[in-house]
C-alpha atoms as a PDB file:
ATOM      1  CA  MET A   1       0.562  -0.039  -0.010  1.00  0.00           C
ATOM      2  CA  SER A   2       2.820   2.214  -0.184  1.00  0.00           C
ATOM      3  CA  THR A   3       2.162   6.019  -2.665  1.00  0.00           C
ATOM      4  CA  SER A   4       3.559   5.613  -6.286  1.00  0.00           C
ATOM      5  CA  ILE A   5       7.273   7.144  -7.158  1.00  0.00           C
ATOM      6  CA  ALA A   6       5.144   9.719  -9.947  1.00  0.00           C
ATOM      7  CA  LEU A   7       3.119  11.123  -7.143  1.00  0.00           C
ATOM      8  CA  LYS A   8       5.750  12.094  -4.919  1.00  0.00           C
ATOM      9  CA  ALA A   9       7.464  13.587  -7.670  1.00  0.00           C
ATOM     10  CA  ALA A  10       4.133  15.592  -8.259  1.00  0.00           C
ATOM     11  CA  ILE A  11       3.880  16.316  -5.243  1.00  0.00           C
ATOM     12  CA  GLY A  12       7.226  17.255  -4.731  1.00  0.00           C
ATOM     13  CA  VAL A  13       7.273  19.483  -7.896  1.00  0.00           C
ATOM     14  CA  LEU A  14       4.364  20.958  -7.267  1.00  0.00           C
ATOM     15  CA  MET A  15       5.534  22.733  -3.608  1.00  0.00           C
ATOM     16  CA  VAL A  16       8.793  24.056  -5.429  1.00  0.00           C
ATOM     17  CA  ASP A  17       6.800  25.840  -8.277  1.00  0.00           C
ATOM     18  CA  SER A  18       4.389  27.026  -5.469  1.00  0.00           C
ATOM     19  CA  ILE A  19       7.097  28.366  -3.523  1.00  0.00           C
ATOM     20  CA  ILE A  20       8.335  30.264  -6.553  1.00  0.00           C
ATOM     21  CA  GLU A  21       4.872  31.810  -6.624  1.00  0.00           C
ATOM     22  CA  LEU A  22       4.280  33.053  -3.498  1.00  0.00           C
ATOM     23  CA  SER A  23       7.946  34.389  -3.417  1.00  0.00           C
ATOM     24  CA  PHE A  24       7.205  36.552  -6.589  1.00  0.00           C
ATOM     25  CA  ILE A  25       4.055  37.861  -5.166  1.00  0.00           C
ATOM     26  CA  SER A  26       6.038  38.549  -1.949  1.00  0.00           C
ATOM     27  CA  SER A  27       8.406  40.443  -4.176  1.00  0.00           C
ATOM     28  CA  MET A  28       5.895  42.424  -5.883  1.00  0.00           C
ATOM     29  CA  VAL A  29       3.935  43.868  -2.835  1.00  0.00           C
ATOM     30  CA  ALA A  30       7.243  44.236  -0.974  1.00  0.00           C
ATOM     31  CA  TRP A  31       7.881  46.271  -3.465  1.00  0.00           C
ATOM     32  CA  LEU A  32       4.687  48.428  -4.335  1.00  0.00           C
ATOM     33  CA  HIS A  33       4.479  49.036  -0.242  1.00  0.00           C
ATOM     34  CA  LYS A  34       8.017  49.995  -0.335  1.00  0.00           C
ATOM     35  CA  THR A  35       9.265  51.813  -2.697  1.00  0.00           C
ATOM     36  CA  ALA A  36       6.412  52.608  -5.376  1.00  0.00           C
ATOM     37  CA  SER A  37       4.623  54.182  -2.819  1.00  0.00           C
ATOM     38  CA  GLY A  38       6.765  56.768  -3.312  1.00  0.00           C
ATOM     39  CA  SER A  39       7.339  58.898  -6.297  1.00  0.00           C
ATOM     40  CA  PHE A  40       9.691  58.314  -9.644  1.00  0.00           C
ATOM     41  CA  PRO A  41      10.855  61.634 -11.834  1.00  0.00           C
ATOM     42  CA  ILE A  42       9.030  61.981 -15.184  1.00  0.00           C
ATOM     43  CA  VAL A  43      10.396  64.275 -18.298  1.00  0.00           C
ATOM     44  CA  ALA A  44       7.901  66.652 -19.982  1.00  0.00           C
ATOM     45  CA  ASP A  45       6.802  67.213 -22.881  1.00  0.00           C
ATOM     46  CA  ASN A  46       8.809  70.396 -22.604  1.00  0.00           C
ATOM     47  CA  GLY A  47      12.392  68.898 -21.082  1.00  0.00           C
ATOM     48  CA  SER A  48      11.307  70.157 -17.384  1.00  0.00           C
ATOM     49  CA  THR A  49      10.911  67.297 -14.529  1.00  0.00           C
ATOM     50  CA  PHE A  50       8.626  66.494 -12.742  1.00  0.00           C
ATOM     51  CA  ASN A  51       7.542  63.462  -9.721  1.00  0.00           C
ATOM     52  CA  LEU A  52       4.854  61.159 -10.549  1.00  0.00           C
ATOM     53  CA  ARG A  53       3.626  58.547  -7.304  1.00  0.00           C
ATOM     54  CA  GLY A  54       4.475  55.119  -7.978  1.00  0.00           C
ATOM     55  CA  GLU A  55       0.727  53.624  -7.306  1.00  0.00           C
ATOM     56  CA  PRO A  56      -1.967  54.853  -9.429  1.00  0.00           C
ATOM     57  CA  LEU A  57      -5.493  55.741  -7.470  1.00  0.00           C
ATOM     58  CA  HIS A  58      -7.033  52.616  -8.974  1.00  0.00           C
ATOM     59  CA  LEU A  59      -4.677  50.078  -8.346  1.00  0.00           C
ATOM     60  CA  LEU A  60      -6.114  46.520  -9.041  1.00  0.00           C
ATOM     61  CA  VAL A  61      -4.914  43.832  -6.122  1.00  0.00           C
ATOM     62  CA  ASP A  62      -8.053  41.035  -6.605  1.00  0.00           C
ATOM     63  CA  GLN A  63      -5.476  39.100  -8.515  1.00  0.00           C
ATOM     64  CA  GLY A  64      -2.715  39.220  -6.654  1.00  0.00           C
ATOM     65  CA  HIS A  65      -4.510  37.974  -3.571  1.00  0.00           C
ATOM     66  CA  THR A  66      -6.567  35.317  -5.677  1.00  0.00           C
ATOM     67  CA  SER A  67      -3.074  33.860  -7.117  1.00  0.00           C
ATOM     68  CA  ASN A  68      -1.413  33.929  -4.020  1.00  0.00           C
ATOM     69  CA  GLY A  69      -4.750  31.902  -2.203  1.00  0.00           C
ATOM     70  CA  ALA A  70      -4.151  29.461  -4.966  1.00  0.00           C
ATOM     71  CA  ALA A  71      -0.329  29.112  -4.309  1.00  0.00           C
ATOM     72  CA  GLY A  72      -0.494  29.132  -0.711  1.00  0.00           C
ATOM     73  CA  THR A  73      -3.201  26.186  -1.254  1.00  0.00           C
ATOM     74  CA  ALA A  74      -0.993  24.306  -3.127  1.00  0.00           C
ATOM     75  CA  PHE A  75       1.886  24.171  -0.871  1.00  0.00           C
ATOM     76  CA  VAL A  76       0.094  23.631   2.166  1.00  0.00           C
ATOM     77  CA  LEU A  77      -2.692  22.136   1.948  1.00  0.00           C
ATOM     78  CA  ILE A  78      -1.778  19.579  -0.829  1.00  0.00           C
ATOM     79  CA  GLY A  79       2.451  19.739  -0.501  1.00  0.00           C
ATOM     80  CA  VAL A  80       2.848  19.658   3.115  1.00  0.00           C
ATOM     81  CA  GLY A  81      -0.954  18.713   3.427  1.00  0.00           C
ATOM     82  CA  GLY A  82      -0.178  15.458   1.564  1.00  0.00           C
ATOM     83  CA  ILE A  83       3.211  14.517   2.964  1.00  0.00           C
ATOM     84  CA  ILE A  84       1.380  14.456   6.403  1.00  0.00           C
ATOM     85  CA  THR A  85      -1.488  12.544   5.045  1.00  0.00           C
ATOM     86  CA  LEU A  86       0.263  10.066   3.126  1.00  0.00           C
ATOM     87  CA  TRP A  87       2.242   8.828   6.041  1.00  0.00           C
ATOM     88  CA  LEU A  88      -1.029   8.490   8.071  1.00  0.00           C
ATOM     89  CA  ARG A  89      -2.780   6.822   6.500  1.00  0.00           C
ATOM     90  CA  ASN A  90      -1.920   3.279   6.915  1.00  0.00           C
ATOM     91  CA  ARG A  91      -0.350   3.932  10.458  1.00  0.00           C
ATOM     92  CA  ALA A  92      -3.900   5.760  12.087  1.00  0.00           C
ATOM     93  CA  GLY A  93      -6.694   3.774  11.603  1.00  0.00           C
ATOM     94  CA  ARG A  94      -9.751   4.737  10.611  1.00  0.00           C
ATOM     95  CA  PHE A  95      -8.477   8.784  10.832  1.00  0.00           C
ATOM     96  CA  GLY A  96      -5.519   7.948   8.412  1.00  0.00           C
ATOM     97  CA  HIS A  97      -8.682   6.857   5.921  1.00  0.00           C
ATOM     98  CA  ALA A  98     -10.822   9.487   6.501  1.00  0.00           C
ATOM     99  CA  LEU A  99      -7.914  12.014   6.156  1.00  0.00           C
ATOM    100  CA  TYR A 100      -6.417  10.769   3.340  1.00  0.00           C
ATOM    101  CA  TYR A 101     -10.206  10.566   1.455  1.00  0.00           C
ATOM    102  CA  PHE A 102     -10.315  14.296   3.060  1.00  0.00           C
ATOM    103  CA  TRP A 103      -6.904  15.002   1.573  1.00  0.00           C
ATOM    104  CA  VAL A 104      -8.093  13.615  -2.317  1.00  0.00           C
ATOM    105  CA  ILE A 105     -11.126  16.090  -2.376  1.00  0.00           C
ATOM    106  CA  CYS A 106      -9.136  18.690  -1.064  1.00  0.00           C
ATOM    107  CA  ASN A 107      -6.946  17.948  -4.648  1.00  0.00           C
ATOM    108  CA  ILE A 108     -10.067  18.230  -6.394  1.00  0.00           C
ATOM    109  CA  LEU A 109     -11.238  21.609  -5.402  1.00  0.00           C
ATOM    110  CA  ALA A 110      -7.151  23.397  -5.049  1.00  0.00           C
ATOM    111  CA  LEU A 111      -7.096  22.276  -8.435  1.00  0.00           C
ATOM    112  CA  MET A 112     -10.236  24.790  -9.083  1.00  0.00           C
ATOM    113  CA  LEU A 113      -8.844  27.421  -7.380  1.00  0.00           C
ATOM    114  CA  THR A 114      -5.860  27.696  -9.835  1.00  0.00           C
ATOM    115  CA  ILE A 115      -7.175  27.136 -13.069  1.00  0.00           C
ATOM    116  CA  GLY A 116     -10.032  30.270 -11.229  1.00  0.00           C
ATOM    117  CA  ALA A 117      -6.647  31.958 -10.274  1.00  0.00           C
ATOM    118  CA  LEU A 118      -5.380  30.680 -13.746  1.00  0.00           C
ATOM    119  CA  GLY A 119      -8.458  32.506 -15.651  1.00  0.00           C
ATOM    120  CA  TYR A 120      -8.927  35.272 -13.790  1.00  0.00           C
ATOM    121  CA  VAL A 121      -5.665  37.357 -13.822  1.00  0.00           C
ATOM    122  CA  PHE A 122      -5.154  36.837 -17.430  1.00  0.00           C
ATOM    123  CA  SER A 123      -8.538  38.379 -18.315  1.00  0.00           C
ATOM    124  CA  VAL A 124      -7.804  41.504 -16.356  1.00  0.00           C
ATOM    125  CA  THR A 125      -5.155  41.834 -17.527  1.00  0.00           C
ATOM    126  CA  ASN A 126      -5.986  41.156 -20.885  1.00  0.00           C
ATOM    127  CA  LYS A 127      -9.003  43.331 -20.074  1.00  0.00           C
ATOM    128  CA  HIS A 128      -7.020  46.802 -19.190  1.00  0.00           C
ATOM    129  CA  ARG A 129      -3.859  46.166 -21.917  1.00  0.00           C
ATOM    130  CA  GLY A 130      -2.628  49.085 -24.062  1.00  0.00           C
ATOM    131  CA  GLN A 131      -4.012  51.652 -21.528  1.00  0.00           C
ATOM    132  CA  VAL A 132      -1.157  54.793 -21.209  1.00  0.00           C
ATOM    133  CA  ILE A 133      -0.607  57.225 -18.947  1.00  0.00           C
ATOM    134  CA  ASP A 134      -1.516  60.471 -20.131  1.00  0.00           C
ATOM    135  CA  LEU A 135       1.516  63.175 -19.873  1.00  0.00           C
ATOM    136  CA  GLY A 136      -0.552  66.142 -19.275  1.00  0.00           C
ATOM    137  CA  VAL A 137      -2.033  64.393 -16.516  1.00  0.00           C
ATOM    138  CA  ALA A 138       0.263  63.037 -14.756  1.00  0.00           C
ATOM    139  CA  GLU A 139       3.057  66.881 -15.131  1.00  0.00           C
ATOM    140  CA  SER A 140      -0.818  68.016 -13.209  1.00  0.00           C
ATOM    141  CA  LEU A 141      -1.381  66.017 -10.020  1.00  0.00           C
ATOM    142  CA  GLU A 142       1.221  67.488  -7.810  1.00  0.00           C
ATOM    143  CA  GLY A 143       2.269  64.721  -5.984  1.00  0.00           C
ATOM    144  CA  THR A 144      -1.210  62.370  -6.231  1.00  0.00           C
ATOM    145  CA  LYS A 145      -1.896  59.380  -7.797  1.00  0.00           C
ATOM    146  CA  TYR A 146      -3.172  58.867 -11.004  1.00  0.00           C
ATOM    147  CA  PRO A 147      -6.546  59.321 -11.538  1.00  0.00           C
ATOM    148  CA  LEU A 148      -7.647  57.821 -14.618  1.00  0.00           C
ATOM    149  CA  ASN A 149      -8.965  54.969 -15.723  1.00  0.00           C
ATOM    150  CA  GLU A 150      -7.888  51.243 -13.635  1.00  0.00           C
ATOM    151  CA  TRP A 151      -4.299  49.200 -13.344  1.00  0.00           C
ATOM    152  CA  THR A 152      -3.113  45.972 -13.005  1.00  0.00           C
ATOM    153  CA  PRO A 153       0.683  46.444 -11.289  1.00  0.00           C
ATOM    154  CA  GLN A 154       1.149  44.522 -14.666  1.00  0.00           C
ATOM    155  CA  ASN A 155      -0.316  47.177 -17.143  1.00  0.00           C
ATOM    156  CA  TRP A 156       0.492  50.439 -15.011  1.00  0.00           C
ATOM    157  CA  PHE A 157       4.324  49.803 -14.535  1.00  0.00           C
ATOM    158  CA  LEU A 158       4.551  49.104 -18.256  1.00  0.00           C
ATOM    159  CA  ALA A 159       3.086  52.581 -19.610  1.00  0.00           C
ATOM    160  CA  PHE A 160       5.353  53.448 -16.787  1.00  0.00           C
ATOM    161  CA  LEU A 161       7.743  52.104 -18.642  1.00  0.00           C
ATOM    162  CA  ASP A 162       6.835  54.180 -21.623  1.00  0.00           C
ATOM    163  CA  LEU A 163       7.501  57.421 -20.256  1.00  0.00           C
ATOM    164  CA  ASP A 164      10.723  59.422 -20.323  1.00  0.00           C
ATOM    165  CA  ILE A 165      11.843  58.152 -16.928  1.00  0.00           C
ATOM    166  CA  ALA A 166      14.720  60.750 -15.982  1.00  0.00           C
ATOM    167  CA  ASP A 167      17.184  58.253 -13.846  1.00  0.00           C
ATOM    168  CA  ASP A 168      18.594  55.285 -15.642  1.00  0.00           C
ATOM    169  CA  SER A 169      18.762  53.318 -11.873  1.00  0.00           C
ATOM    170  CA  VAL A 170      15.097  53.920 -11.311  1.00  0.00           C
ATOM    171  CA  ARG A 171      13.996  53.025 -15.029  1.00  0.00           C
ATOM    172  CA  HIS A 172      16.056  49.597 -13.873  1.00  0.00           C
ATOM    173  CA  ASP A 173      14.771  48.933 -10.681  1.00  0.00           C
ATOM    174  CA  ILE A 174      10.668  49.566 -12.852  1.00  0.00           C
ATOM    175  CA  ALA A 175      11.754  47.110 -15.414  1.00  0.00           C
ATOM    176  CA  SER A 176      12.854  44.452 -13.560  1.00  0.00           C
ATOM    177  CA  HIS A 177      10.399  44.303 -10.654  1.00  0.00           C
ATOM    178  CA  TYR A 178       7.602  44.674 -13.676  1.00  0.00           C
ATOM    179  CA  LYS A 179       9.667  41.517 -14.726  1.00  0.00           C
ATOM    180  CA  VAL A 180       8.885  39.381 -11.753  1.00  0.00           C
ATOM    181  CA  MET A 181       5.589  40.458 -11.763  1.00  0.00           C
ATOM    182  CA  ARG A 182       4.583  39.068 -15.073  1.00  0.00           C
ATOM    183  CA  GLY A 183       6.836  36.159 -13.713  1.00  0.00           C
ATOM    184  CA  TRP A 184       4.321  35.279 -11.364  1.00  0.00           C
ATOM    185  CA  GLN A 185       1.645  35.845 -13.912  1.00  0.00           C
ATOM    186  CA  TYR A 186       2.645  33.058 -16.457  1.00  0.00           C
ATOM    187  CA  ASN A 187       4.328  30.991 -13.954  1.00  0.00           C
ATOM    188  CA  LEU A 188       0.104  30.474 -13.027  1.00  0.00           C
ATOM    189  CA  ILE A 189       0.039  28.041 -16.430  1.00  0.00           C
ATOM    190  CA  PRO A 190       2.789  25.192 -15.301  1.00  0.00           C
ATOM    191  CA  LEU A 191       1.567  25.754 -11.727  1.00  0.00           C
ATOM    192  CA  PHE A 192      -1.349  25.076 -13.188  1.00  0.00           C
ATOM    193  CA  LEU A 193      -0.186  22.093 -15.177  1.00  0.00           C
ATOM    194  CA  VAL A 194       1.796  20.943 -12.742  1.00  0.00           C
ATOM    195  CA  GLN A 195      -0.947  20.320  -9.971  1.00  0.00           C
ATOM    196  CA  LEU A 196      -3.194  19.225 -12.563  1.00  0.00           C
ATOM    197  CA  VAL A 197      -1.031  16.309 -13.356  1.00  0.00           C
ATOM    198  CA  GLU A 198      -0.443  15.405  -9.523  1.00  0.00           C
ATOM    199  CA  THR A 199      -4.227  15.263  -8.733  1.00  0.00           C
ATOM    200  CA  VAL A 200      -4.609  13.126 -11.614  1.00  0.00           C
ATOM    201  CA  LEU A 201      -2.034  11.358  -9.663  1.00  0.00           C
ATOM    202  CA  ALA A 202      -3.780  11.286  -6.383  1.00  0.00           C
ATOM    203  CA  VAL A 203      -7.056  10.469  -7.106  1.00  0.00           C
ATOM    204  CA  MET A 204      -5.240   7.241  -9.422  1.00  0.00           C
ATOM    205  CA  ASP A 205      -3.594   6.311  -6.255  1.00  0.00           C
ATOM    206  CA  ALA A 206      -6.639   6.225  -4.034  1.00  0.00           C
ATOM    207  CA  LEU A 207      -8.455   4.177  -6.104  1.00  0.00           C
ATOM    208  CA  ARG A 208      -5.537   1.351  -6.080  1.00  0.00           C
ATOM    209  CA  TRP A 209      -5.512   2.117  -2.324  1.00  0.00           C
ATOM    210  CA  ARG A 210      -9.090   1.666  -1.400  1.00  0.00           C
ATOM    211  CA  LYS A 211      -8.953  -1.861  -3.968  1.00  0.00           C
ATOM    212  CA  GLU A 212      -5.984  -2.856  -1.786  1.00  0.00           C
ATOM    213  CA  VAL A 213      -6.874  -2.095   1.510  1.00  0.00           C
ATOM    214  CA  GLN A 214     -10.621  -3.375   0.755  1.00  0.00           C
ATOM    215  CA  TYR A 215      -8.958  -6.757  -1.251  1.00  0.00           C
ATOM    216  CA  ALA A 216      -6.248  -7.045   1.885  1.00  0.00           C
ATOM    217  CA  GLY A 217     -10.117  -6.943   4.176  1.00  0.00           C
ATOM    218  CA  VAL A 218     -11.452  -9.849   1.993  1.00  0.00           C
ATOM    219  CA  GLY A 219      -8.112 -11.799   2.857  1.00  0.00           C
ATOM    220  CA  GLN A 220      -8.459 -11.338   6.367  1.00  0.00           C
ATOM    221  CA  GLY A 221     -11.749 -12.059   6.653  1.00  0.00           C
ATOM    222  CA  GLN A 222     -11.685 -15.710   5.145  1.00  0.00           C
ATOM    223  CA  GLY A 223      -8.708 -16.047   6.878  1.00  0.00           C
ATOM    224  CA  GLN A 224     -10.748 -15.586   9.859  1.00  0.00           C
ATOM    225  CA  GLU A 225     -13.221 -18.233   8.824  1.00  0.00           C
ATOM    226  CA  LYS A 226     -10.686 -20.941   7.962  1.00  0.00           C
ATOM    227  CA  SER A 227      -9.319 -20.847  11.512  1.00  0.00           C
ATOM    228  CA  SER A 228     -12.211 -20.621  12.816  1.00  0.00           C
ATOM    229  CA  THR A 229     -13.771 -23.988  10.517  1.00  0.00           C
ATOM    230  CA  HIS A 230     -10.413 -26.024  11.559  1.00  0.00           C
ATOM    231  CA  THR A 231     -11.504 -24.791  14.834  1.00  0.00           C
END
């Protein structure tokens, strides 16, 4: 009644990819709260320089929270929880059996969460694709946040990079964190694929394990019947 090597490997890969996703999102959030919450120097059309806040007034962050939740669920519930559950299923009697079946069901629910996060993130990001920052409006803000449109972090900082940023080090910093933002967005695709494979393997393992348990129970029952007959 051992766990298949393929399922163990899939759980390991899922945990690694989940950590990558969580790290990317955490890096983005930390940067948004610390550096991007300030102002950056922008060159106006007349050659003068003004400061533009690094965050717009209407910044959409729900897609980041959803992705963070999907990755966290995959790591903690499916990864860590799976390791514990698979170890307990043959060692904790009925409790171990019940916990194991609960974990298998959680695999399916967690996969649905990841699918939802994947669809939501790309849908919202694509909806706001192509937006640009009005330089005239930005110049007149006097330190207040840019009020026009709604923005995802990816769309906002892509538009920000289209401006003439006066400090090359600032441009480099924004560009590197923009890559991180795109990184967690597109990492949802391999996260979904790995989790899909892991979920299928988990269900297959559960069906195999259930048959083995039933067969062992039948064999044990027949052995008891023969023993009582001889007696």
